[in-house]
Amino acid sequence: MILTFWMLCLGFVFILILIIKKQIKLDKKEIELDVEIKKIDTLLKTQKVSDNYTDFTNGHLYQ
């Protein structure tokens, strides 16, 4: 009876450790994704700035 109790406790602790390790991995991936999203956002902002280009030549080609 006591052996069964300790085996259940050990199994419960083992499962908790696995869940905690998985959560840590997910948190690391989330941080990596946040960094990538910030990079993409800055690239999109620079793209919007370059889209605001005004053609001062009125379509004429100057040499």
PDB file of N, CA and C in Angstrom:
ATOM      1  N   MET A   1       0.827  -1.193   0.000  1.00  0.00           N
ATOM      2  CA  MET A   1       0.000   0.000   0.000  1.00  0.00           C
ATOM      3  C   MET A   1       0.877   1.265   0.000  1.00  0.00           C
ATOM      4  N   ILE A   2       1.865   1.278   0.882  1.00  0.00           N
ATOM      5  CA  ILE A   2       2.753   2.434   0.964  1.00  0.00           C
ATOM      6  C   ILE A   2       3.585   2.540  -0.304  1.00  0.00           C
ATOM      7  N   LEU A   3       4.010   1.404  -0.843  1.00  0.00           N
ATOM      8  CA  LEU A   3       4.795   1.408  -2.076  1.00  0.00           C
ATOM      9  C   LEU A   3       3.980   1.991  -3.231  1.00  0.00           C
ATOM     10  N   THR A   4       2.724   1.639  -3.296  1.00  0.00           N
ATOM     11  CA  THR A   4       1.855   2.172  -4.341  1.00  0.00           C
ATOM     12  C   THR A   4       1.708   3.685  -4.200  1.00  0.00           C
ATOM     13  N   PHE A   5       1.553   4.138  -2.983  1.00  0.00           N
ATOM     14  CA  PHE A   5       1.432   5.572  -2.736  1.00  0.00           C
ATOM     15  C   PHE A   5       2.674   6.309  -3.221  1.00  0.00           C
ATOM     16  N   TRP A   6       3.863   5.812  -2.888  1.00  0.00           N
ATOM     17  CA  TRP A   6       5.102   6.473  -3.286  1.00  0.00           C
ATOM     18  C   TRP A   6       5.321   6.396  -4.793  1.00  0.00           C
ATOM     19  N   MET A   7       4.892   5.314  -5.400  1.00  0.00           N
ATOM     20  CA  MET A   7       5.001   5.206  -6.851  1.00  0.00           C
ATOM     21  C   MET A   7       4.095   6.231  -7.534  1.00  0.00           C
ATOM     22  N   LEU A   8       2.892   6.421  -7.011  1.00  0.00           N
ATOM     23  CA  LEU A   8       1.994   7.438  -7.546  1.00  0.00           C
ATOM     24  C   LEU A   8       2.567   8.841  -7.356  1.00  0.00           C
ATOM     25  N   CYS A   9       3.150   9.095  -6.195  1.00  0.00           N
ATOM     26  CA  CYS A   9       3.770  10.397  -5.946  1.00  0.00           C
ATOM     27  C   CYS A   9       4.926  10.633  -6.916  1.00  0.00           C
ATOM     28  N   LEU A  10       5.754   9.631  -7.123  1.00  0.00           N
ATOM     29  CA  LEU A  10       6.879   9.744  -8.034  1.00  0.00           C
ATOM     30  C   LEU A  10       6.392   9.980  -9.462  1.00  0.00           C
ATOM     31  N   GLY A  11       5.361   9.274  -9.868  1.00  0.00           N
ATOM     32  CA  GLY A  11       4.791   9.471 -11.195  1.00  0.00           C
ATOM     33  C   GLY A  11       4.229  10.871 -11.368  1.00  0.00           C
ATOM     34  N   PHE A  12       3.574  11.364 -10.342  1.00  0.00           N
ATOM     35  CA  PHE A  12       3.015  12.714 -10.390  1.00  0.00           C
ATOM     36  C   PHE A  12       4.116  13.760 -10.522  1.00  0.00           C
ATOM     37  N   VAL A  13       5.177  13.595  -9.763  1.00  0.00           N
ATOM     38  CA  VAL A  13       6.312  14.525  -9.832  1.00  0.00           C
ATOM     39  C   VAL A  13       6.952  14.458 -11.217  1.00  0.00           C
ATOM     40  N   PHE A  14       7.096  13.257 -11.762  1.00  0.00           N
ATOM     41  CA  PHE A  14       7.685  13.094 -13.085  1.00  0.00           C
ATOM     42  C   PHE A  14       6.846  13.807 -14.147  1.00  0.00           C
ATOM     43  N   ILE A  15       5.553  13.660 -14.071  1.00  0.00           N
ATOM     44  CA  ILE A  15       4.661  14.332 -15.026  1.00  0.00           C
ATOM     45  C   ILE A  15       4.753  15.846 -14.869  1.00  0.00           C
ATOM     46  N   LEU A  16       4.821  16.340 -13.640  1.00  0.00           N
ATOM     47  CA  LEU A  16       4.968  17.779 -13.421  1.00  0.00           C
ATOM     48  C   LEU A  16       6.267  18.302 -14.029  1.00  0.00           C
ATOM     49  N   ILE A  17       7.340  17.556 -13.876  1.00  0.00           N
ATOM     50  CA  ILE A  17       8.621  17.973 -14.450  1.00  0.00           C
ATOM     51  C   ILE A  17       8.525  18.041 -15.973  1.00  0.00           C
ATOM     52  N   LEU A  18       7.888  17.052 -16.585  1.00  0.00           N
ATOM     53  CA  LEU A  18       7.732  17.059 -18.040  1.00  0.00           C
ATOM     54  C   LEU A  18       6.899  18.257 -18.505  1.00  0.00           C
ATOM     55  N   ILE A  19       5.841  18.555 -17.783  1.00  0.00           N
ATOM     56  CA  ILE A  19       4.991  19.695 -18.149  1.00  0.00           C
ATOM     57  C   ILE A  19       5.756  21.009 -18.008  1.00  0.00           C
ATOM     58  N   ILE A  20       6.540  21.151 -16.951  1.00  0.00           N
ATOM     59  CA  ILE A  20       7.308  22.374 -16.743  1.00  0.00           C
ATOM     60  C   ILE A  20       8.361  22.541 -17.836  1.00  0.00           C
ATOM     61  N   LYS A  21       9.037  21.452 -18.216  1.00  0.00           N
ATOM     62  CA  LYS A  21      10.035  21.533 -19.281  1.00  0.00           C
ATOM     63  C   LYS A  21       9.392  21.931 -20.603  1.00  0.00           C
ATOM     64  N   LYS A  22       8.230  21.384 -20.884  1.00  0.00           N
ATOM     65  CA  LYS A  22       7.520  21.724 -22.113  1.00  0.00           C
ATOM     66  C   LYS A  22       7.108  23.195 -22.120  1.00  0.00           C
ATOM     67  N   GLN A  23       6.652  23.693 -20.977  1.00  0.00           N
ATOM     68  CA  GLN A  23       6.251  25.096 -20.876  1.00  0.00           C
ATOM     69  C   GLN A  23       7.446  26.017 -21.079  1.00  0.00           C
ATOM     70  N   ILE A  24       8.606  25.640 -20.553  1.00  0.00           N
ATOM     71  CA  ILE A  24       9.812  26.452 -20.734  1.00  0.00           C
ATOM     72  C   ILE A  24      10.186  26.508 -22.210  1.00  0.00           C
ATOM     73  N   LYS A  25      10.091  25.375 -22.907  1.00  0.00           N
ATOM     74  CA  LYS A  25      10.386  25.359 -24.343  1.00  0.00           C
ATOM     75  C   LYS A  25       9.411  26.254 -25.112  1.00  0.00           C
ATOM     76  N   LEU A  26       8.137  26.194 -24.749  1.00  0.00           N
ATOM     77  CA  LEU A  26       7.140  27.027 -25.414  1.00  0.00           C
ATOM     78  C   LEU A  26       7.406  28.510 -25.160  1.00  0.00           C
ATOM     79  N   ASP A  27       7.809  28.845 -23.946  1.00  0.00           N
ATOM     80  CA  ASP A  27       8.119  30.247 -23.639  1.00  0.00           C
ATOM     81  C   ASP A  27       9.304  30.746 -24.457  1.00  0.00           C
ATOM     82  N   LYS A  28      10.321  29.909 -24.621  1.00  0.00           N
ATOM     83  CA  LYS A  28      11.479  30.295 -25.432  1.00  0.00           C
ATOM     84  C   LYS A  28      11.069  30.515 -26.884  1.00  0.00           C
ATOM     85  N   LYS A  29      10.233  29.634 -27.411  1.00  0.00           N
ATOM     86  CA  LYS A  29       9.766  29.791 -28.789  1.00  0.00           C
ATOM     87  C   LYS A  29       8.942  31.069 -28.943  1.00  0.00           C
ATOM     88  N   GLU A  30       8.132  31.382 -27.942  1.00  0.00           N
ATOM     89  CA  GLU A  30       7.314  32.593 -27.993  1.00  0.00           C
ATOM     90  C   GLU A  30       8.189  33.844 -28.017  1.00  0.00           C
ATOM     91  N   ILE A  31       9.265  33.828 -27.235  1.00  0.00           N
ATOM     92  CA  ILE A  31      10.191  34.964 -27.228  1.00  0.00           C
ATOM     93  C   ILE A  31      10.854  35.105 -28.590  1.00  0.00           C
ATOM     94  N   GLU A  32      11.264  33.985 -29.192  1.00  0.00           N
ATOM     95  CA  GLU A  32      11.878  34.030 -30.519  1.00  0.00           C
ATOM     96  C   GLU A  32      10.896  34.583 -31.555  1.00  0.00           C
ATOM     97  N   LEU A  33       9.643  34.166 -31.463  1.00  0.00           N
ATOM     98  CA  LEU A  33       8.631  34.661 -32.396  1.00  0.00           C
ATOM     99  C   LEU A  33       8.388  36.160 -32.205  1.00  0.00           C
ATOM    100  N   ASP A  34       8.392  36.631 -30.971  1.00  0.00           N
ATOM    101  CA  ASP A  34       8.215  38.062 -30.719  1.00  0.00           C
ATOM    102  C   ASP A  34       9.338  38.872 -31.352  1.00  0.00           C
ATOM    103  N   VAL A  35      10.564  38.360 -31.268  1.00  0.00           N
ATOM    104  CA  VAL A  35      11.704  39.055 -31.870  1.00  0.00           C
ATOM    105  C   VAL A  35      11.541  39.096 -33.387  1.00  0.00           C
ATOM    106  N   GLU A  36      11.120  37.980 -33.984  1.00  0.00           N
ATOM    107  CA  GLU A  36      10.919  37.937 -35.432  1.00  0.00           C
ATOM    108  C   GLU A  36       9.799  38.890 -35.865  1.00  0.00           C
ATOM    109  N   ILE A  37       8.730  38.954 -35.084  1.00  0.00           N
ATOM    110  CA  ILE A  37       7.618  39.854 -35.405  1.00  0.00           C
ATOM    111  C   ILE A  37       8.087  41.301 -35.367  1.00  0.00           C
ATOM    112  N   LYS A  38       8.917  41.650 -34.386  1.00  0.00           N
ATOM    113  CA  LYS A  38       9.436  43.017 -34.311  1.00  0.00           C
ATOM    114  C   LYS A  38      10.299  43.339 -35.526  1.00  0.00           C
ATOM    115  N   LYS A  39      11.111  42.366 -35.964  1.00  0.00           N
ATOM    116  CA  LYS A  39      11.942  42.570 -37.154  1.00  0.00           C
ATOM    117  C   LYS A  39      11.067  42.800 -38.381  1.00  0.00           C
ATOM    118  N   ILE A  40      10.030  41.998 -38.516  1.00  0.00           N
ATOM    119  CA  ILE A  40       9.130  42.123 -39.665  1.00  0.00           C
ATOM    120  C   ILE A  40       8.409  43.470 -39.622  1.00  0.00           C
ATOM    121  N   ASP A  41       7.980  43.879 -38.437  1.00  0.00           N
ATOM    122  CA  ASP A  41       7.302  45.175 -38.312  1.00  0.00           C
ATOM    123  C   ASP A  41       8.211  46.329 -38.722  1.00  0.00           C
ATOM    124  N   THR A  42       9.477  46.277 -38.317  1.00  0.00           N
ATOM    125  CA  THR A  42      10.389  47.352 -38.713  1.00  0.00           C
ATOM    126  C   THR A  42      10.626  47.331 -40.214  1.00  0.00           C
ATOM    127  N   LEU A  43      10.704  46.143 -40.810  1.00  0.00           N
ATOM    128  CA  LEU A  43      10.868  46.072 -42.260  1.00  0.00           C
ATOM    129  C   LEU A  43       9.637  46.635 -42.976  1.00  0.00           C
ATOM    130  N   LEU A  44       8.454  46.338 -42.461  1.00  0.00           N
ATOM    131  CA  LEU A  44       7.233  46.862 -43.071  1.00  0.00           C
ATOM    132  C   LEU A  44       7.155  48.378 -42.939  1.00  0.00           C
ATOM    133  N   LYS A  45       7.599  48.913 -41.805  1.00  0.00           N
ATOM    134  CA  LYS A  45       7.596  50.365 -41.629  1.00  0.00           C
ATOM    135  C   LYS A  45       8.542  51.027 -42.617  1.00  0.00           C
ATOM    136  N   THR A  46       9.714  50.439 -42.835  1.00  0.00           N
ATOM    137  CA  THR A  46      10.652  51.023 -43.801  1.00  0.00           C
ATOM    138  C   THR A  46      10.094  50.896 -45.208  1.00  0.00           C
ATOM    139  N   GLN A  47       9.355  49.834 -45.486  1.00  0.00           N
ATOM    140  CA  GLN A  47       8.731  49.676 -46.798  1.00  0.00           C
ATOM    141  C   GLN A  47       7.677  50.753 -47.020  1.00  0.00           C
ATOM    142  N   LYS A  48       6.893  51.079 -45.984  1.00  0.00           N
ATOM    143  CA  LYS A  48       5.877  52.123 -46.104  1.00  0.00           C
ATOM    144  C   LYS A  48       6.527  53.471 -46.367  1.00  0.00           C
ATOM    145  N   VAL A  49       7.670  53.708 -45.744  1.00  0.00           N
ATOM    146  CA  VAL A  49       8.377  54.962 -45.961  1.00  0.00           C
ATOM    147  C   VAL A  49       8.838  55.048 -47.409  1.00  0.00           C
ATOM    148  N   SER A  50       9.324  53.932 -47.964  1.00  0.00           N
ATOM    149  CA  SER A  50       9.792  53.962 -49.347  1.00  0.00           C
ATOM    150  C   SER A  50       8.624  54.029 -50.330  1.00  0.00           C
ATOM    151  N   ASP A  51       7.427  53.640 -49.925  1.00  0.00           N
ATOM    152  CA  ASP A  51       6.251  53.743 -50.792  1.00  0.00           C
ATOM    153  C   ASP A  51       5.781  55.185 -50.930  1.00  0.00           C
ATOM    154  N   ASN A  52       6.215  56.062 -50.044  1.00  0.00           N
ATOM    155  CA  ASN A  52       5.794  57.461 -50.068  1.00  0.00           C
ATOM    156  C   ASN A  52       6.672  58.306 -50.995  1.00  0.00           C
ATOM    157  N   TYR A  53       7.409  57.675 -51.859  1.00  0.00           N
ATOM    158  CA  TYR A  53       8.305  58.390 -52.759  1.00  0.00           C
ATOM    159  C   TYR A  53       7.486  59.224 -53.748  1.00  0.00           C
ATOM    160  N   THR A  54       7.878  60.464 -53.931  1.00  0.00           N
ATOM    161  CA  THR A  54       7.207  61.361 -54.867  1.00  0.00           C
ATOM    162  C   THR A  54       8.118  61.575 -56.070  1.00  0.00           C
ATOM    163  N   ASP A  55       7.566  61.370 -57.239  1.00  0.00           N
ATOM    164  CA  ASP A  55       8.343  61.551 -58.468  1.00  0.00           C
ATOM    165  C   ASP A  55       8.322  63.035 -58.842  1.00  0.00           C
ATOM    166  N   PHE A  56       9.447  63.693 -58.634  1.00  0.00           N
ATOM    167  CA  PHE A  56       9.551  65.120 -58.915  1.00  0.00           C
ATOM    168  C   PHE A  56       9.846  65.408 -60.387  1.00  0.00           C
ATOM    169  N   THR A  57      10.089  64.352 -61.167  1.00  0.00           N
ATOM    170  CA  THR A  57      10.441  64.567 -62.586  1.00  0.00           C
ATOM    171  C   THR A  57       9.217  64.574 -63.475  1.00  0.00           C
ATOM    172  N   ASN A  58       8.051  64.334 -62.938  1.00  0.00           N
ATOM    173  CA  ASN A  58       6.801  64.275 -63.700  1.00  0.00           C
ATOM    174  C   ASN A  58       6.861  63.257 -64.829  1.00  0.00           C
ATOM    175  N   GLY A  59       7.589  62.190 -64.578  1.00  0.00           N
ATOM    176  CA  GLY A  59       7.669  61.113 -65.565  1.00  0.00           C
ATOM    177  C   GLY A  59       8.704  61.322 -66.649  1.00  0.00           C
ATOM    178  N   HIS A  60       9.399  62.452 -66.686  1.00  0.00           N
ATOM    179  CA  HIS A  60      10.413  62.708 -67.688  1.00  0.00           C
ATOM    180  C   HIS A  60      11.730  62.061 -67.310  1.00  0.00           C
ATOM    181  N   LEU A  61      12.423  61.559 -68.293  1.00  0.00           N
ATOM    182  CA  LEU A  61      13.740  60.994 -68.057  1.00  0.00           C
ATOM    183  C   LEU A  61      14.795  62.066 -68.361  1.00  0.00           C
ATOM    184  N   TYR A  62      15.590  62.371 -67.365  1.00  0.00           N
ATOM    185  CA  TYR A  62      16.646  63.366 -67.546  1.00  0.00           C
ATOM    186  C   TYR A  62      17.975  62.641 -67.640  1.00  0.00           C
ATOM    187  N   GLN A  63      18.813  63.126 -68.531  1.00  0.00           N
ATOM    188  CA  GLN A  63      20.138  62.506 -68.673  1.00  0.00           C
ATOM    189  C   GLN A  63      21.217  63.457 -68.257  1.00  0.00           C
TER     190      GLN A  63
END
